Protein backbone atom coordinates (compact mmCIF):
# COMPACT_ATOMS: atom_id res chain seq x y z
CA MET A 1 -15.14 8.48 -3.42
CA LYS A 2 -13.39 6.66 -0.63
CA ILE A 3 -9.97 5.07 -0.92
CA ARG A 4 -11.31 1.53 -1.00
CA THR A 5 -13.55 2.54 -3.93
CA TYR A 6 -10.51 3.65 -5.90
CA ILE A 7 -8.66 0.47 -5.02
CA LYS A 8 -11.58 -1.55 -6.32
CA ILE A 9 -11.46 0.47 -9.53
CA LEU A 10 -7.79 -0.44 -9.88
CA SER A 11 -8.60 -4.15 -9.66
CA ILE A 12 -11.36 -3.84 -12.23
CA ILE A 13 -9.44 -1.87 -14.84
CA SER A 14 -6.21 -3.82 -14.19
CA LEU A 15 -3.93 -0.92 -15.02
CA SER A 16 -0.32 -0.55 -13.93
CA ILE A 17 1.95 2.37 -14.73
CA CYS A 18 5.66 2.66 -13.98
CA PHE A 19 7.61 5.90 -14.12
CA ASN A 20 10.51 5.38 -16.45
CA SER A 21 11.07 8.42 -18.66
CA CYS A 22 13.91 10.85 -18.21
CA ASP A 23 11.37 13.56 -19.04
CA ASN A 24 9.43 12.58 -15.94
CA VAL A 25 12.23 13.27 -13.47
CA GLU A 26 13.11 16.89 -12.84
CA LYS A 27 16.09 18.35 -11.04
CA ALA A 28 15.66 18.73 -7.31
CA LYS A 29 14.41 22.14 -6.24
CA ASP A 30 12.29 23.84 -3.58
CA GLY A 31 13.79 21.66 -0.85
CA TYR A 32 13.10 18.35 -2.63
CA ASP A 33 15.67 15.70 -3.42
CA ARG A 34 13.64 14.62 -6.41
CA ILE A 35 10.57 15.81 -8.31
CA ILE A 36 8.62 13.28 -10.36
CA ASN A 37 6.39 14.62 -13.09
CA ILE A 38 3.50 12.32 -13.96
CA SER A 39 1.44 14.71 -16.06
CA ASP A 40 2.36 12.93 -19.32
CA LEU A 41 2.26 9.12 -19.46
CA SER A 42 2.02 8.80 -23.24
CA SER A 43 5.63 7.71 -23.75
CA ALA A 44 5.56 5.00 -21.11
CA GLN A 45 6.69 1.45 -21.94
CA PRO A 46 5.17 -1.77 -20.51
CA ILE A 47 5.95 -2.53 -16.89
CA GLN A 48 5.70 -6.27 -17.65
CA SER A 49 9.30 -6.23 -18.86
CA HIS A 50 10.45 -5.33 -15.35
CA ILE A 51 8.75 -8.28 -13.62
CA SER A 52 11.04 -11.30 -13.91
CA GLU A 53 8.97 -13.85 -12.00
CA VAL A 54 5.51 -14.28 -10.49
CA SER A 55 4.68 -17.02 -8.01
CA TYR A 56 1.76 -18.01 -5.78
CA ILE A 57 1.77 -19.29 -2.20
CA PRO A 58 -1.50 -20.49 -0.59
CA LEU A 59 -1.75 -19.24 2.99
CA GLU A 60 -2.88 -21.76 5.58
CA SER A 61 -6.58 -21.21 6.10
CA ASN A 62 -8.66 -22.42 9.03
CA GLU A 63 -10.97 -20.93 11.63
CA GLN A 64 -8.07 -19.40 13.59
CA THR A 65 -6.18 -18.00 10.61
CA LEU A 66 -9.18 -16.69 8.67
CA PHE A 67 -8.88 -12.99 7.92
CA MET A 68 -11.11 -10.54 6.07
CA SER A 69 -8.50 -8.19 4.64
CA ALA A 70 -4.77 -7.60 4.67
CA ASP A 71 -4.65 -4.04 6.00
CA LYS A 72 -0.90 -4.19 6.54
CA ILE A 73 1.87 -6.71 5.98
CA LEU A 74 5.43 -6.68 7.29
CA PHE A 75 8.41 -8.98 6.69
CA ILE A 76 11.02 -9.93 9.26
CA ASP A 77 13.26 -12.96 9.79
CA GLY A 78 11.63 -14.97 7.00
CA LEU A 79 8.10 -14.44 8.31
CA MET A 80 5.28 -12.35 6.90
CA TYR A 81 2.98 -10.64 9.41
CA VAL A 82 -0.53 -9.81 8.24
CA GLY A 83 -2.74 -7.37 10.14
CA ASP A 84 -6.51 -7.62 9.74
CA PHE A 85 -7.74 -4.62 11.65
CA ALA A 86 -11.45 -5.34 11.23
CA THR A 87 -11.23 -8.70 13.02
CA GLY A 88 -8.45 -7.59 15.37
CA LYS A 89 -5.99 -10.26 14.24
CA ILE A 90 -2.29 -10.30 13.47
CA LEU A 91 -1.01 -13.49 11.84
CA ALA A 92 2.47 -14.73 10.93
CA PHE A 93 3.14 -17.02 7.97
CA ASP A 94 6.39 -18.62 6.85
CA SER A 95 7.74 -18.75 3.30
CA GLU A 96 5.62 -21.83 2.51
CA GLY A 97 2.39 -20.21 3.73
CA LYS A 98 2.22 -22.13 7.00
CA ASN A 99 0.77 -20.22 9.93
CA ARG A 100 3.26 -19.68 12.76
CA LEU A 101 1.43 -17.27 15.06
CA VAL A 102 -1.99 -15.79 15.72
CA LEU A 103 -2.38 -12.69 17.88
CA ASN A 104 -6.07 -12.21 18.58
CA LYS A 105 -6.62 -10.33 21.85
CA HIS A 106 -9.46 -8.03 20.98
CA GLY A 107 -11.23 -6.89 24.14
CA ARG A 108 -11.12 -4.51 27.10
CA GLY A 109 -9.35 -6.64 29.66
CA PRO A 110 -5.69 -6.67 30.76
CA GLY A 111 -3.38 -7.29 27.83
CA GLU A 112 -6.17 -6.74 25.30
CA TYR A 113 -6.71 -4.02 22.69
CA ILE A 114 -10.01 -2.35 21.87
CA GLY A 115 -9.00 -2.02 18.24
CA ILE A 116 -5.95 -2.13 15.98
CA GLN A 117 -5.10 1.17 14.33
CA SER A 118 -1.74 -0.22 13.20
CA PHE A 119 0.96 -2.66 14.26
CA THR A 120 4.70 -3.07 13.85
CA VAL A 121 7.30 -5.76 14.56
CA ASP A 122 10.95 -5.85 15.63
CA ASP A 123 13.35 -8.68 16.46
CA SER A 124 11.52 -9.70 19.62
CA PHE A 125 8.09 -8.10 19.85
CA ILE A 126 4.83 -7.22 18.12
CA TYR A 127 3.51 -3.75 18.92
CA VAL A 128 -0.16 -2.85 18.55
CA LEU A 129 -1.32 0.75 18.29
CA ASP A 130 -4.70 1.02 20.05
CA ALA A 131 -5.98 4.48 19.15
CA TYR A 132 -9.10 3.98 21.26
CA ALA A 133 -7.23 3.26 24.49
CA LEU A 134 -4.36 5.60 23.50
CA LYS A 135 -1.82 2.87 24.16
CA ILE A 136 0.81 0.73 22.53
CA LEU A 137 0.60 -2.91 23.62
CA LYS A 138 3.67 -5.13 23.38
CA TYR A 139 3.49 -8.89 22.75
CA SER A 140 6.05 -11.64 22.32
CA ARG A 141 6.84 -12.67 18.75
CA MET A 142 7.37 -16.22 19.99
CA ASP A 143 3.94 -16.99 21.46
CA ALA A 144 1.90 -13.73 21.37
CA ALA A 145 2.11 -13.44 25.16
CA PHE A 146 1.32 -9.97 26.50
CA ILE A 147 4.40 -8.14 27.80
CA SER A 148 3.44 -4.58 28.67
CA ALA A 149 1.47 -1.47 27.66
CA MET A 150 2.72 2.07 27.10
CA ALA A 151 0.77 5.32 26.90
CA LEU A 152 0.89 7.08 23.54
CA PRO A 153 2.91 10.32 23.65
CA VAL A 154 0.85 11.72 20.72
CA PHE A 155 -2.30 10.70 18.93
CA ALA A 156 -1.20 8.76 15.83
CA LEU A 157 -2.84 7.14 12.81
CA ASP A 158 0.14 4.93 12.01
CA PHE A 159 3.52 4.07 13.53
CA GLU A 160 6.68 1.98 13.12
CA VAL A 161 9.31 0.82 15.58
CA LEU A 162 12.89 1.97 15.03
CA SER A 163 16.00 -0.16 15.42
CA ASN A 164 17.17 2.00 18.32
CA GLY A 165 14.01 1.16 20.30
CA GLY A 166 12.19 4.41 19.54
CA PHE A 167 9.16 4.94 17.35
CA ILE A 168 8.04 7.07 14.42
CA PHE A 169 4.41 8.25 14.60
CA ALA A 170 2.35 9.61 11.72
CA PHE A 171 -0.65 11.92 11.98
CA ALA A 172 -2.86 13.69 9.43
CA PRO A 173 -5.38 16.48 10.02
CA ILE A 174 -8.70 15.05 8.87
CA ASP A 175 -12.02 16.84 9.01
CA GLY A 176 -13.84 15.94 12.23
CA LEU A 177 -10.82 14.30 13.83
CA ASN A 178 -9.80 16.07 17.03
CA PRO A 179 -6.73 14.51 18.70
CA PRO A 180 -7.58 13.52 22.29
CA ILE A 181 -3.93 14.23 23.19
CA LYS A 182 -2.58 17.79 23.13
CA GLN A 183 0.10 17.90 20.49
CA SER A 184 1.75 20.28 18.01
CA ASN A 185 0.65 20.62 14.38
CA HIS A 186 3.10 18.13 12.89
CA ARG A 187 2.61 15.09 10.69
CA ILE A 188 5.61 13.14 11.98
CA PHE A 189 6.79 12.62 15.56
CA ILE A 190 9.91 10.67 16.61
CA SER A 191 10.20 9.23 20.10
CA ASP A 192 12.92 7.53 22.09
CA LYS A 193 12.43 4.12 23.67
CA ASP A 194 10.80 5.73 26.72
CA MET A 195 8.15 7.48 24.58
CA ASN A 196 9.66 10.94 24.92
CA ILE A 197 9.17 12.96 21.74
CA ILE A 198 12.61 13.97 20.51
CA ALA A 199 11.81 15.30 17.02
CA GLU A 200 8.85 16.70 15.08
CA GLU A 201 8.64 17.00 11.30
CA PHE A 202 6.37 18.60 8.67
CA GLU A 203 4.42 21.25 10.47
CA TYR A 204 1.03 22.20 9.05
CA ALA A 205 -0.96 25.40 9.53
CA SER A 206 -3.93 25.46 11.86
CA GLY A 207 -7.09 24.85 9.89
CA THR A 208 -5.36 22.57 7.36
CA VAL A 209 -7.48 19.56 6.46
CA ASP A 210 -6.47 16.65 4.25
CA PRO A 211 -9.14 15.86 1.62
CA ILE A 212 -9.25 12.15 2.50
CA GLY A 213 -7.68 9.83 5.03
CA SER A 214 -5.69 6.66 4.48
CA ARG A 215 -5.56 3.25 6.10
CA ARG A 216 -1.77 3.45 6.07
CA TYR A 217 0.59 6.40 6.24
CA LEU A 218 3.86 4.52 6.70
CA THR A 219 5.42 1.62 4.79
CA VAL A 220 8.59 -0.31 5.54
CA TYR A 221 11.18 -1.63 3.12
CA ASP A 222 14.22 -3.20 4.76
CA GLU A 223 15.92 -0.27 6.58
CA GLU A 224 13.69 2.48 5.18
CA ILE A 225 10.34 3.89 6.30
CA THR A 226 8.24 5.91 3.85
CA PHE A 227 5.59 8.47 4.74
CA TYR A 228 3.17 10.12 2.30
CA SER A 229 1.27 13.38 2.65
CA ILE A 230 -1.75 13.66 0.38
CA HIS A 231 -2.12 17.36 1.13
CA ASP A 232 1.25 18.22 -0.43
CA ASP A 233 1.67 15.34 -2.94
CA GLU A 234 5.02 14.41 -1.45
CA TYR A 235 6.62 11.43 0.22
CA MET A 236 9.50 11.22 2.63
CA VAL A 237 11.93 8.39 3.33
CA PHE A 238 13.26 7.96 6.88
CA SER A 239 15.98 5.75 8.28
CA ARG A 240 14.56 2.82 10.19
CA LYS A 241 17.63 2.95 12.42
CA ASP A 242 16.98 6.31 14.07
CA GLY A 243 14.14 8.04 12.22
CA LYS A 244 16.38 10.56 10.44
CA LEU A 245 14.96 12.04 7.23
CA GLN A 246 16.85 10.69 4.22
CA GLN A 247 14.90 11.84 1.16
CA LYS A 248 12.01 14.13 0.24
CA VAL A 249 10.21 13.60 -3.08
CA LEU A 250 7.48 15.63 -4.78
CA ILE A 251 4.88 13.97 -7.02
CA ASP A 252 4.08 16.72 -9.52
CA PHE A 253 0.75 16.46 -11.35
CA LYS A 254 1.36 19.79 -13.11
CA GLU A 255 -2.18 20.93 -12.46
CA GLY A 256 -1.89 22.87 -9.23
CA LYS A 257 -3.92 22.39 -6.09
CA ASP A 258 -7.34 23.93 -5.59
CA GLU A 259 -8.36 23.16 -2.01
CA LYS A 260 -11.89 24.43 -2.71
CA ALA A 261 -12.44 22.05 -5.62
CA PRO A 262 -14.21 18.72 -4.90
CA ILE A 263 -11.85 15.81 -4.35
CA GLU A 264 -13.40 13.93 -7.28
CA SER A 265 -12.02 16.55 -9.70
CA GLN A 266 -8.42 16.42 -8.46
CA SER A 267 -5.48 14.14 -9.15
CA PHE A 268 -3.57 12.78 -6.18
CA ILE A 269 -1.69 9.84 -4.67
CA PHE A 270 -3.84 8.08 -2.08
CA SER A 271 -1.47 5.49 -0.63
CA SER A 272 1.90 5.62 1.02
CA PRO A 273 4.52 4.42 -1.50
CA VAL A 274 6.02 0.93 -1.21
CA LEU A 275 9.73 0.84 -2.05
CA CYS A 276 11.56 -2.13 -3.52
CA ASN A 277 15.21 -1.64 -4.53
CA GLU A 278 15.06 1.30 -6.97
CA TYR A 279 11.31 0.96 -7.54
CA CYS A 280 8.53 2.91 -5.85
CA PHE A 281 4.94 1.64 -6.04
CA PHE A 282 1.87 3.69 -5.17
CA LEU A 283 -1.79 4.18 -6.05
CA ALA A 284 -3.14 7.32 -7.67
CA LYS A 285 -6.21 8.96 -9.06
CA ILE A 286 -5.45 10.79 -12.29
CA GLY A 287 -8.37 12.50 -13.94
CA ASP A 288 -11.34 10.23 -13.37
CA GLN A 289 -9.39 6.96 -13.24
CA GLY A 290 -7.60 5.02 -10.53
CA GLN A 291 -4.12 3.89 -11.54
CA THR A 292 -1.23 1.88 -10.16
CA LEU A 293 2.10 3.67 -10.46
CA VAL A 294 5.69 2.55 -10.14
CA TYR A 295 8.66 4.85 -10.44
CA ASP A 296 11.92 3.25 -11.61
CA GLY A 297 14.57 5.35 -9.90
CA LYS A 298 17.51 3.43 -11.40
CA HIS A 299 16.69 4.29 -15.00
CA GLY A 300 14.52 7.35 -14.43
CA LYS A 301 11.98 6.07 -16.95
CA LEU A 302 8.25 5.59 -17.11
CA LEU A 303 6.59 2.21 -17.66
CA ALA A 304 2.88 1.54 -18.14
CA SER A 305 0.76 -1.58 -18.47
CA LYS A 306 -2.60 -1.09 -20.14
CA ALA A 307 -5.01 -4.02 -20.27
CA SER A 308 -6.08 -3.02 -23.78
CA ASP A 309 -2.67 -3.21 -25.44
CA ALA A 310 -0.30 -5.23 -23.24
CA LYS A 311 -0.27 -8.75 -21.86
CA GLY A 312 1.67 -10.21 -18.99
CA PRO A 313 1.65 -9.97 -15.19
CA TYR A 314 1.32 -6.51 -13.73
CA LEU A 315 1.57 -5.36 -10.12
CA LEU A 316 -1.75 -6.15 -8.48
CA ASN A 317 -2.84 -5.61 -4.87
CA VAL A 318 0.66 -4.77 -3.62
CA TYR A 319 0.84 -4.57 0.18
CA GLY A 320 4.55 -4.80 0.96
CA SER A 321 8.03 -5.71 -0.20
CA THR A 322 11.34 -7.20 0.85
CA GLY A 323 14.57 -7.73 -1.04
CA ASP A 324 13.83 -7.60 -4.78
CA THR A 325 10.19 -8.65 -4.48
CA TYR A 326 6.79 -7.01 -4.16
CA TYR A 327 3.97 -8.96 -2.49
CA GLY A 328 0.22 -8.91 -2.87
CA ILE A 329 -2.70 -10.99 -1.58
CA ILE A 330 -5.81 -12.10 -3.43
CA GLN A 331 -8.92 -13.46 -1.72
CA ASP A 332 -11.53 -13.12 -4.46
CA GLY A 333 -11.77 -16.68 -5.73
CA ALA A 334 -11.77 -18.39 -9.10
CA SER A 335 -13.41 -15.67 -11.22
CA TYR A 336 -10.81 -13.10 -10.17
CA TYR A 337 -8.02 -15.58 -10.82
CA GLU A 338 -9.37 -16.40 -14.30
CA THR A 339 -9.37 -12.68 -15.12
CA MET A 340 -5.73 -12.51 -14.06
CA ILE A 341 -4.84 -15.47 -16.30
CA SER A 342 -6.63 -13.92 -19.27
CA ASN A 343 -4.52 -10.79 -18.77
CA GLY A 344 -1.23 -12.66 -18.91
CA PHE A 345 -0.56 -13.93 -15.37
CA PRO A 346 1.02 -17.41 -15.21
CA LYS A 347 -1.14 -20.29 -14.06
CA ALA A 348 -0.72 -21.63 -10.54
CA ASP A 349 -0.11 -25.28 -9.73
CA VAL A 350 -3.00 -27.66 -9.08
CA GLN A 351 -2.83 -27.37 -5.29
CA THR A 352 -2.87 -23.58 -5.41
CA GLU A 353 -5.74 -23.51 -7.91
CA ALA A 354 -7.75 -25.73 -5.55
CA ALA A 355 -7.10 -23.25 -2.72
CA ILE A 356 -8.18 -20.39 -4.99
CA ARG A 357 -11.49 -22.14 -5.78
CA GLN A 358 -12.09 -22.39 -2.04
CA ASN A 359 -11.54 -18.62 -1.69
CA ASN A 360 -8.48 -19.15 0.48
CA PRO A 361 -6.01 -16.24 0.60
CA ILE A 362 -3.13 -16.49 -1.85
CA LEU A 363 0.14 -14.60 -1.54
CA ILE A 364 1.49 -13.34 -4.89
CA SER A 365 5.15 -12.46 -5.22
CA TYR A 366 6.49 -10.24 -8.02
CA ARG A 367 10.24 -10.46 -8.40
CA MET A 368 11.56 -7.31 -10.05
CA ASP A 369 14.50 -7.34 -12.42
């Protein structure tokens, strides 16, 4: 199955699991700062008790701001930036859902991008990774005006800008993907502001192939950047200031890896984790089911929310975080919303419910305790 198939399964089964058992956290070893065992979820408690508040914000919807999917969202200076890679748009919304910027320069002319592989934002600029043209294009955050273009130093599937002006690039060896740029066998590359590679991390052997790819390999939470490697079931946390590695964590399924076995028979994490304070959210396939997982690092315990035996809001469609809050987006209309309400989500106000019936995108915030 493809990643989007698993994500759809998650929405259908409405299952959230949070790691909160001391038995599920092992002492660091083998070069890891932490090892999380998720082979036994039977003692997990409901995650609902860790969500203190759920709220809805309708996002302004018109012909210009219409987007098909939220492939990536970032938060900076009170604005939320949404990247819809299929339509080639990047949009900014304020805390009330009002649109403040539309970057839509899909094309082959000067200042245009052929496609968006990823994007990132700093205090002044929006950066677009165009994997087709092998460039990074820089635009003003104020008015989306084109500033400049820079050649990629390596072929990357995702990237983030660092506070020191450099970048962190992520790559994964995928079957049939041959980098058009000559580069070493590493998953992470760090550059300075002039695009000179100054560090390489996580070397892989020639011939290594990840079983599936991912839409995103990097996520940002405040001053931290997280990268996940599906091949090794591990995630790494880097400083957003300078790209220095801060933490390395193993997700241990206790079943071993058989690279010759079909992907459908294996358990694995298939999304880069999203941090939020001491919490860590990610999506997984365990056995034959897709599941939503959250590790509570503060208490080292495992929480689970099963639709069959627990009511209340669970973490659904999480795309990003800031402060003490996770954020998701729903675009599936009234029937999807009614299913959420029947499973314990609070009702929205009249204005928001009207927007939902019109299939307008709705931002959901989950404040964690």
